[in-house]
PDB file of all heavy atoms in Angstrom:
ATOM      1  N   ILE A   1       0.834  -1.203   0.000  1.00  0.00           N
ATOM      2  CA  ILE A   1       0.000   0.000   0.000  1.00  0.00           C
ATOM      3  C   ILE A   1       0.870   1.255   0.000  1.00  0.00           C
ATOM      4  O   ILE A   1       0.648   2.203  -0.752  1.00  0.00           O
ATOM      5  CB  ILE A   1      -0.948  -0.004   1.218  1.00  0.00           C
ATOM      6  CG1 ILE A   1      -2.021  -1.089   1.046  1.00  0.00           C
ATOM      7  CG2 ILE A   1      -1.607   1.358   1.402  1.00  0.00           C
ATOM      8  CD1 ILE A   1      -2.894  -1.295   2.273  1.00  0.00           C
ATOM      9  N   GLN A   2       1.901   1.265   0.851  1.00  0.00           N
ATOM     10  CA  GLN A   2       2.769   2.429   0.963  1.00  0.00           C
ATOM     11  C   GLN A   2       3.491   2.721  -0.350  1.00  0.00           C
ATOM     12  O   GLN A   2       3.620   3.878  -0.764  1.00  0.00           O
ATOM     13  CB  GLN A   2       3.791   2.209   2.081  1.00  0.00           C
ATOM     14  CG  GLN A   2       4.701   3.398   2.343  1.00  0.00           C
ATOM     15  CD  GLN A   2       3.930   4.612   2.839  1.00  0.00           C
ATOM     16  OE1 GLN A   2       3.014   4.502   3.646  1.00  0.00           O
ATOM     17  NE2 GLN A   2       4.295   5.779   2.361  1.00  0.00           N
ATOM     18  N   SER A   3       3.961   1.683  -1.022  1.00  0.00           N
ATOM     19  CA  SER A   3       4.701   1.896  -2.275  1.00  0.00           C
ATOM     20  C   SER A   3       3.787   2.458  -3.366  1.00  0.00           C
ATOM     21  O   SER A   3       4.229   3.254  -4.206  1.00  0.00           O
ATOM     22  CB  SER A   3       5.362   0.598  -2.739  1.00  0.00           C
ATOM     23  OG  SER A   3       4.399  -0.385  -3.063  1.00  0.00           O
ATOM     24  N   ILE A   4       2.518   2.064  -3.376  1.00  0.00           N
ATOM     25  CA  ILE A   4       1.578   2.633  -4.349  1.00  0.00           C
ATOM     26  C   ILE A   4       1.428   4.131  -4.103  1.00  0.00           C
ATOM     27  O   ILE A   4       1.502   4.942  -5.027  1.00  0.00           O
ATOM     28  CB  ILE A   4       0.218   1.915  -4.277  1.00  0.00           C
ATOM     29  CG1 ILE A   4       0.328   0.482  -4.813  1.00  0.00           C
ATOM     30  CG2 ILE A   4      -0.835   2.690  -5.081  1.00  0.00           C
ATOM     31  CD1 ILE A   4      -0.940  -0.318  -4.685  1.00  0.00           C
ATOM     32  N   TRP A   5       1.206   4.511  -2.860  1.00  0.00           N
ATOM     33  CA  TRP A   5       1.082   5.935  -2.529  1.00  0.00           C
ATOM     34  C   TRP A   5       2.338   6.696  -2.942  1.00  0.00           C
ATOM     35  O   TRP A   5       2.258   7.788  -3.515  1.00  0.00           O
ATOM     36  CB  TRP A   5       0.841   6.109  -1.027  1.00  0.00           C
ATOM     37  CG  TRP A   5      -0.559   5.837  -0.603  1.00  0.00           C
ATOM     38  CD1 TRP A   5      -1.051   4.697  -0.041  1.00  0.00           C
ATOM     39  CD2 TRP A   5      -1.678   6.721  -0.712  1.00  0.00           C
ATOM     40  NE1 TRP A   5      -2.400   4.815   0.204  1.00  0.00           N
ATOM     41  CE2 TRP A   5      -2.806   6.046  -0.191  1.00  0.00           C
ATOM     42  CE3 TRP A   5      -1.828   8.017  -1.194  1.00  0.00           C
ATOM     43  CZ2 TRP A   5      -4.062   6.634  -0.149  1.00  0.00           C
ATOM     44  CZ3 TRP A   5      -3.088   8.609  -1.142  1.00  0.00           C
ATOM     45  CH2 TRP A   5      -4.192   7.918  -0.627  1.00  0.00           C
ATOM     46  N   GLN A   6       3.502   6.145  -2.650  1.00  0.00           N
ATOM     47  CA  GLN A   6       4.735   6.856  -2.956  1.00  0.00           C
ATOM     48  C   GLN A   6       4.931   7.043  -4.458  1.00  0.00           C
ATOM     49  O   GLN A   6       5.430   8.078  -4.901  1.00  0.00           O
ATOM     50  CB  GLN A   6       5.927   6.097  -2.365  1.00  0.00           C
ATOM     51  CG  GLN A   6       6.006   6.192  -0.844  1.00  0.00           C
ATOM     52  CD  GLN A   6       7.031   5.243  -0.265  1.00  0.00           C
ATOM     53  OE1 GLN A   6       7.199   4.127  -0.756  1.00  0.00           O
ATOM     54  NE2 GLN A   6       7.713   5.668   0.777  1.00  0.00           N
ATOM     55  N   ARG A   7       4.551   6.041  -5.242  1.00  0.00           N
ATOM     56  CA  ARG A   7       4.761   6.125  -6.689  1.00  0.00           C
ATOM     57  C   ARG A   7       3.775   7.059  -7.368  1.00  0.00           C
ATOM     58  O   ARG A   7       4.053   7.619  -8.422  1.00  0.00           O
ATOM     59  CB  ARG A   7       4.690   4.736  -7.324  1.00  0.00           C
ATOM     60  CG  ARG A   7       5.927   3.893  -7.065  1.00  0.00           C
ATOM     61  CD  ARG A   7       5.929   2.601  -7.839  1.00  0.00           C
ATOM     62  NE  ARG A   7       4.974   1.632  -7.306  1.00  0.00           N
ATOM     63  CZ  ARG A   7       3.813   1.317  -7.861  1.00  0.00           C
ATOM     64  NH1 ARG A   7       3.445   1.884  -8.993  1.00  0.00           N
ATOM     65  NH2 ARG A   7       3.014   0.425  -7.317  1.00  0.00           N
ATOM     66  N   LYS A   8       2.605   7.245  -6.781  1.00  0.00           N
ATOM     67  CA  LYS A   8       1.558   8.032  -7.427  1.00  0.00           C
ATOM     68  C   LYS A   8       1.573   9.508  -7.023  1.00  0.00           C
ATOM     69  O   LYS A   8       0.820  10.304  -7.591  1.00  0.00           O
ATOM     70  CB  LYS A   8       0.171   7.438  -7.104  1.00  0.00           C
ATOM     71  CG  LYS A   8       0.016   5.962  -7.467  1.00  0.00           C
ATOM     72  CD  LYS A   8       0.335   5.684  -8.917  1.00  0.00           C
ATOM     73  CE  LYS A   8       0.247   4.194  -9.243  1.00  0.00           C
ATOM     74  NZ  LYS A   8       0.635   3.891 -10.635  1.00  0.00           N
ATOM     75  N   ILE A   9       2.391   9.881  -6.047  1.00  0.00           N
ATOM     76  CA  ILE A   9       2.410  11.257  -5.544  1.00  0.00           C
ATOM     77  C   ILE A   9       3.752  11.905  -5.894  1.00  0.00           C
ATOM     78  O   ILE A   9       4.805  11.321  -5.606  1.00  0.00           O
ATOM     79  CB  ILE A   9       2.200  11.289  -4.018  1.00  0.00           C
ATOM     80  CG1 ILE A   9       0.859  10.642  -3.649  1.00  0.00           C
ATOM     81  CG2 ILE A   9       2.237  12.724  -3.495  1.00  0.00           C
ATOM     82  CD1 ILE A   9       0.643  10.492  -2.154  1.00  0.00           C
ATOM     83  N   PRO A  10       3.761  13.088  -6.499  1.00  0.00           N
ATOM     84  CA  PRO A  10       5.025  13.774  -6.793  1.00  0.00           C
ATOM     85  C   PRO A  10       5.852  13.991  -5.529  1.00  0.00           C
ATOM     86  O   PRO A  10       5.294  14.181  -4.437  1.00  0.00           O
ATOM     87  CB  PRO A  10       4.573  15.111  -7.392  1.00  0.00           C
ATOM     88  CG  PRO A  10       3.198  14.859  -7.910  1.00  0.00           C
ATOM     89  CD  PRO A  10       2.594  13.844  -6.986  1.00  0.00           C
ATOM     90  N   ALA A  11       7.171  13.987  -5.684  1.00  0.00           N
ATOM     91  CA  ALA A  11       8.071  14.045  -4.530  1.00  0.00           C
ATOM     92  C   ALA A  11       7.858  15.295  -3.695  1.00  0.00           C
ATOM     93  O   ALA A  11       7.910  15.241  -2.456  1.00  0.00           O
ATOM     94  CB  ALA A  11       9.524  13.958  -4.999  1.00  0.00           C
ATOM     95  N   ASP A  12       7.598  16.453  -4.327  1.00  0.00           N
ATOM     96  CA  ASP A  12       7.448  17.687  -3.558  1.00  0.00           C
ATOM     97  C   ASP A  12       6.042  17.866  -3.000  1.00  0.00           C
ATOM     98  O   ASP A  12       5.731  18.891  -2.395  1.00  0.00           O
ATOM     99  CB  ASP A  12       7.843  18.903  -4.400  1.00  0.00           C
ATOM    100  CG  ASP A  12       7.012  19.036  -5.680  1.00  0.00           C
ATOM    101  OD1 ASP A  12       6.412  18.032  -6.098  1.00  0.00           O
ATOM    102  OD2 ASP A  12       6.977  20.139  -6.249  1.00  0.00           O
ATOM    103  N   LEU A  13       5.178  16.866  -3.223  1.00  0.00           N
ATOM    104  CA  LEU A  13       3.837  16.863  -2.631  1.00  0.00           C
ATOM    105  C   LEU A  13       3.683  15.715  -1.632  1.00  0.00           C
ATOM    106  O   LEU A  13       2.637  15.547  -1.016  1.00  0.00           O
ATOM    107  CB  LEU A  13       2.784  16.749  -3.752  1.00  0.00           C
ATOM    108  CG  LEU A  13       1.318  16.950  -3.415  1.00  0.00           C
ATOM    109  CD1 LEU A  13       1.058  18.334  -2.844  1.00  0.00           C
ATOM    110  CD2 LEU A  13       0.455  16.733  -4.650  1.00  0.00           C
ATOM    111  N   GLN A  14       4.732  14.932  -1.468  1.00  0.00           N
ATOM    112  CA  GLN A  14       4.658  13.742  -0.617  1.00  0.00           C
ATOM    113  C   GLN A  14       4.254  14.082   0.818  1.00  0.00           C
ATOM    114  O   GLN A  14       3.445  13.396   1.423  1.00  0.00           O
ATOM    115  CB  GLN A  14       6.013  13.032  -0.596  1.00  0.00           C
ATOM    116  CG  GLN A  14       6.370  12.311  -1.883  1.00  0.00           C
ATOM    117  CD  GLN A  14       5.818  10.899  -1.942  1.00  0.00           C
ATOM    118  OE1 GLN A  14       5.485  10.319  -0.918  1.00  0.00           O
ATOM    119  NE2 GLN A  14       5.720  10.360  -3.132  1.00  0.00           N
ATOM    120  N   GLY A  15       4.854  15.134   1.381  1.00  0.00           N
ATOM    121  CA  GLY A  15       4.552  15.470   2.769  1.00  0.00           C
ATOM    122  C   GLY A  15       3.100  15.816   2.970  1.00  0.00           C
ATOM    123  O   GLY A  15       2.436  15.296   3.864  1.00  0.00           O
ATOM    124  N   ARG A  16       2.566  16.707   2.109  1.00  0.00           N
ATOM    125  CA  ARG A  16       1.181  17.153   2.268  1.00  0.00           C
ATOM    126  C   ARG A  16       0.176  16.037   2.018  1.00  0.00           C
ATOM    127  O   ARG A  16      -0.722  15.791   2.822  1.00  0.00           O
ATOM    128  CB  ARG A  16       0.908  18.306   1.301  1.00  0.00           C
ATOM    129  CG  ARG A  16       1.399  19.656   1.768  1.00  0.00           C
ATOM    130  CD  ARG A  16       1.424  20.673   0.635  1.00  0.00           C
ATOM    131  NE  ARG A  16       2.587  20.458  -0.226  1.00  0.00           N
ATOM    132  CZ  ARG A  16       2.761  21.065  -1.393  1.00  0.00           C
ATOM    133  NH1 ARG A  16       1.827  21.874  -1.855  1.00  0.00           N
ATOM    134  NH2 ARG A  16       3.845  20.850  -2.104  1.00  0.00           N
ATOM    135  N   ALA A  17       0.315  15.348   0.881  1.00  0.00           N
ATOM    136  CA  ALA A  17      -0.649  14.292   0.545  1.00  0.00           C
ATOM    137  C   ALA A  17      -0.551  13.130   1.524  1.00  0.00           C
ATOM    138  O   ALA A  17      -1.570  12.595   1.979  1.00  0.00           O
ATOM    139  CB  ALA A  17      -0.413  13.808  -0.883  1.00  0.00           C
ATOM    140  N   ALA A  18       0.687  12.731   1.862  1.00  0.00           N
ATOM    141  CA  ALA A  18       0.852  11.625   2.803  1.00  0.00           C
ATOM    142  C   ALA A  18       0.318  11.980   4.173  1.00  0.00           C
ATOM    143  O   ALA A  18      -0.242  11.133   4.881  1.00  0.00           O
ATOM    144  CB  ALA A  18       2.330  11.229   2.887  1.00  0.00           C
ATOM    145  N   ALA A  19       0.468  13.253   4.583  1.00  0.00           N
ATOM    146  CA  ALA A  19      -0.018  13.653   5.901  1.00  0.00           C
ATOM    147  C   ALA A  19      -1.543  13.676   5.956  1.00  0.00           C
ATOM    148  O   ALA A  19      -2.146  13.323   6.974  1.00  0.00           O
ATOM    149  CB  ALA A  19       0.544  15.020   6.273  1.00  0.00           C
ATOM    150  N   VAL A  20      -2.187  14.106   4.853  1.00  0.00           N
ATOM    151  CA  VAL A  20      -3.654  14.061   4.802  1.00  0.00           C
ATOM    152  C   VAL A  20      -4.127  12.613   4.901  1.00  0.00           C
ATOM    153  O   VAL A  20      -5.035  12.278   5.667  1.00  0.00           O
ATOM    154  CB  VAL A  20      -4.174  14.719   3.516  1.00  0.00           C
ATOM    155  CG1 VAL A  20      -5.668  14.444   3.340  1.00  0.00           C
ATOM    156  CG2 VAL A  20      -3.914  16.219   3.544  1.00  0.00           C
ATOM    157  N   LYS A  21      -3.491  11.749   4.110  1.00  0.00           N
ATOM    158  CA  LYS A  21      -3.826  10.325   4.186  1.00  0.00           C
ATOM    159  C   LYS A  21      -3.597   9.801   5.593  1.00  0.00           C
ATOM    160  O   LYS A  21      -4.437   9.084   6.166  1.00  0.00           O
ATOM    161  CB  LYS A  21      -2.965   9.545   3.188  1.00  0.00           C
ATOM    162  CG  LYS A  21      -3.138   8.022   3.263  1.00  0.00           C
ATOM    163  CD  LYS A  21      -1.922   7.282   2.751  1.00  0.00           C
ATOM    164  CE  LYS A  21      -0.760   7.456   3.684  1.00  0.00           C
ATOM    165  NZ  LYS A  21       0.384   6.574   3.384  1.00  0.00           N
ATOM    166  N   ARG A  22      -2.456  10.174   6.180  1.00  0.00           N
ATOM    167  CA  ARG A  22      -2.108   9.708   7.519  1.00  0.00           C
ATOM    168  C   ARG A  22      -3.100  10.226   8.554  1.00  0.00           C
ATOM    169  O   ARG A  22      -3.495   9.504   9.467  1.00  0.00           O
ATOM    170  CB  ARG A  22      -0.692  10.172   7.858  1.00  0.00           C
ATOM    171  CG  ARG A  22      -0.173   9.710   9.207  1.00  0.00           C
ATOM    172  CD  ARG A  22       1.283  10.115   9.379  1.00  0.00           C
ATOM    173  NE  ARG A  22       1.768   9.904  10.722  1.00  0.00           N
ATOM    174  CZ  ARG A  22       2.175   8.735  11.195  1.00  0.00           C
ATOM    175  NH1 ARG A  22       2.148   7.680  10.414  1.00  0.00           N
ATOM    176  NH2 ARG A  22       2.617   8.616  12.435  1.00  0.00           N
ATOM    177  N   MET A  23      -3.545  11.484   8.413  1.00  0.00           N
ATOM    178  CA  MET A  23      -4.512  12.030   9.358  1.00  0.00           C
ATOM    179  C   MET A  23      -5.803  11.215   9.340  1.00  0.00           C
ATOM    180  O   MET A  23      -6.355  10.865  10.389  1.00  0.00           O
ATOM    181  CB  MET A  23      -4.820  13.484   9.011  1.00  0.00           C
ATOM    182  CG  MET A  23      -5.856  14.123   9.931  1.00  0.00           C
ATOM    183  SD  MET A  23      -6.530  15.671   9.293  1.00  0.00           S
ATOM    184  CE  MET A  23      -7.523  15.057   7.927  1.00  0.00           C
ATOM    185  N   ILE A  24      -6.289  10.916   8.123  1.00  0.00           N
ATOM    186  CA  ILE A  24      -7.537  10.155   8.006  1.00  0.00           C
ATOM    187  C   ILE A  24      -7.367   8.751   8.585  1.00  0.00           C
ATOM    188  O   ILE A  24      -8.214   8.264   9.343  1.00  0.00           O
ATOM    189  CB  ILE A  24      -7.985  10.098   6.541  1.00  0.00           C
ATOM    190  CG1 ILE A  24      -8.354  11.508   6.055  1.00  0.00           C
ATOM    191  CG2 ILE A  24      -9.162   9.138   6.353  1.00  0.00           C
ATOM    192  CD1 ILE A  24      -8.625  11.614   4.575  1.00  0.00           C
ATOM    193  N   LEU A  25      -6.247   8.097   8.256  1.00  0.00           N
ATOM    194  CA  LEU A  25      -6.027   6.741   8.756  1.00  0.00           C
ATOM    195  C   LEU A  25      -5.753   6.735  10.253  1.00  0.00           C
ATOM    196  O   LEU A  25      -6.131   5.785  10.950  1.00  0.00           O
ATOM    197  CB  LEU A  25      -4.873   6.088   7.998  1.00  0.00           C
ATOM    198  CG  LEU A  25      -5.115   5.847   6.506  1.00  0.00           C
ATOM    199  CD1 LEU A  25      -3.903   5.171   5.877  1.00  0.00           C
ATOM    200  CD2 LEU A  25      -6.363   4.995   6.286  1.00  0.00           C
ATOM    201  N   LEU A  26      -5.093   7.795  10.749  1.00  0.00           N
ATOM    202  CA  LEU A  26      -4.832   7.857  12.185  1.00  0.00           C
ATOM    203  C   LEU A  26      -6.103   8.045  12.999  1.00  0.00           C
ATOM    204  O   LEU A  26      -6.134   7.718  14.182  1.00  0.00           O
ATOM    205  CB  LEU A  26      -3.842   8.985  12.493  1.00  0.00           C
ATOM    206  CG  LEU A  26      -2.361   8.694  12.234  1.00  0.00           C
ATOM    207  CD1 LEU A  26      -1.525   9.934  12.471  1.00  0.00           C
ATOM    208  CD2 LEU A  26      -1.872   7.550  13.124  1.00  0.00           C
ATOM    209  N   CYS A  27      -7.146   8.594  12.372  1.00  0.00           N
ATOM    210  CA  CYS A  27      -8.440   8.681  13.070  1.00  0.00           C
ATOM    211  C   CYS A  27      -8.936   7.292  13.462  1.00  0.00           C
ATOM    212  O   CYS A  27      -9.687   7.132  14.429  1.00  0.00           O
ATOM    213  CB  CYS A  27      -9.482   9.361  12.186  1.00  0.00           C
ATOM    214  SG  CYS A  27      -9.214  11.118  11.910  1.00  0.00           S
ATOM    215  N   VAL A  28      -8.525   6.298  12.686  1.00  0.00           N
ATOM    216  CA  VAL A  28      -8.967   4.930  12.940  1.00  0.00           C
ATOM    217  C   VAL A  28      -8.390   4.401  14.251  1.00  0.00           C
ATOM    218  O   VAL A  28      -9.075   3.688  14.995  1.00  0.00           O
ATOM    219  CB  VAL A  28      -8.557   4.015  11.765  1.00  0.00           C
ATOM    220  CG1 VAL A  28      -8.904   2.569  12.056  1.00  0.00           C
ATOM    221  CG2 VAL A  28      -9.226   4.470  10.478  1.00  0.00           C
ATOM    222  N   SER A  29      -7.138   4.745  14.551  1.00  0.00           N
ATOM    223  CA  SER A  29      -6.496   4.191  15.745  1.00  0.00           C
ATOM    224  C   SER A  29      -7.133   4.681  17.042  1.00  0.00           C
ATOM    225  O   SER A  29      -7.415   3.864  17.932  1.00  0.00           O
ATOM    226  CB  SER A  29      -4.991   4.501  15.729  1.00  0.00           C
ATOM    227  OG  SER A  29      -4.365   3.821  14.653  1.00  0.00           O
ATOM    228  N   PRO A  30      -7.395   5.996  17.211  1.00  0.00           N
ATOM    229  CA  PRO A  30      -8.155   6.397  18.397  1.00  0.00           C
ATOM    230  C   PRO A  30      -9.544   5.769  18.454  1.00  0.00           C
ATOM    231  O   PRO A  30     -10.034   5.434  19.534  1.00  0.00           O
ATOM    232  CB  PRO A  30      -8.235   7.923  18.270  1.00  0.00           C
ATOM    233  CG  PRO A  30      -7.086   8.298  17.412  1.00  0.00           C
ATOM    234  CD  PRO A  30      -6.916   7.160  16.454  1.00  0.00           C
TER     235      PRO A  30
END
């Protein structure tokens, strides 16, 4: 899953897009 995200997102957008994804997925853990 992680490698798909990394390949589909431009390098200079990785932080923003990955963090949005991470925020949504992190909602699951609480």
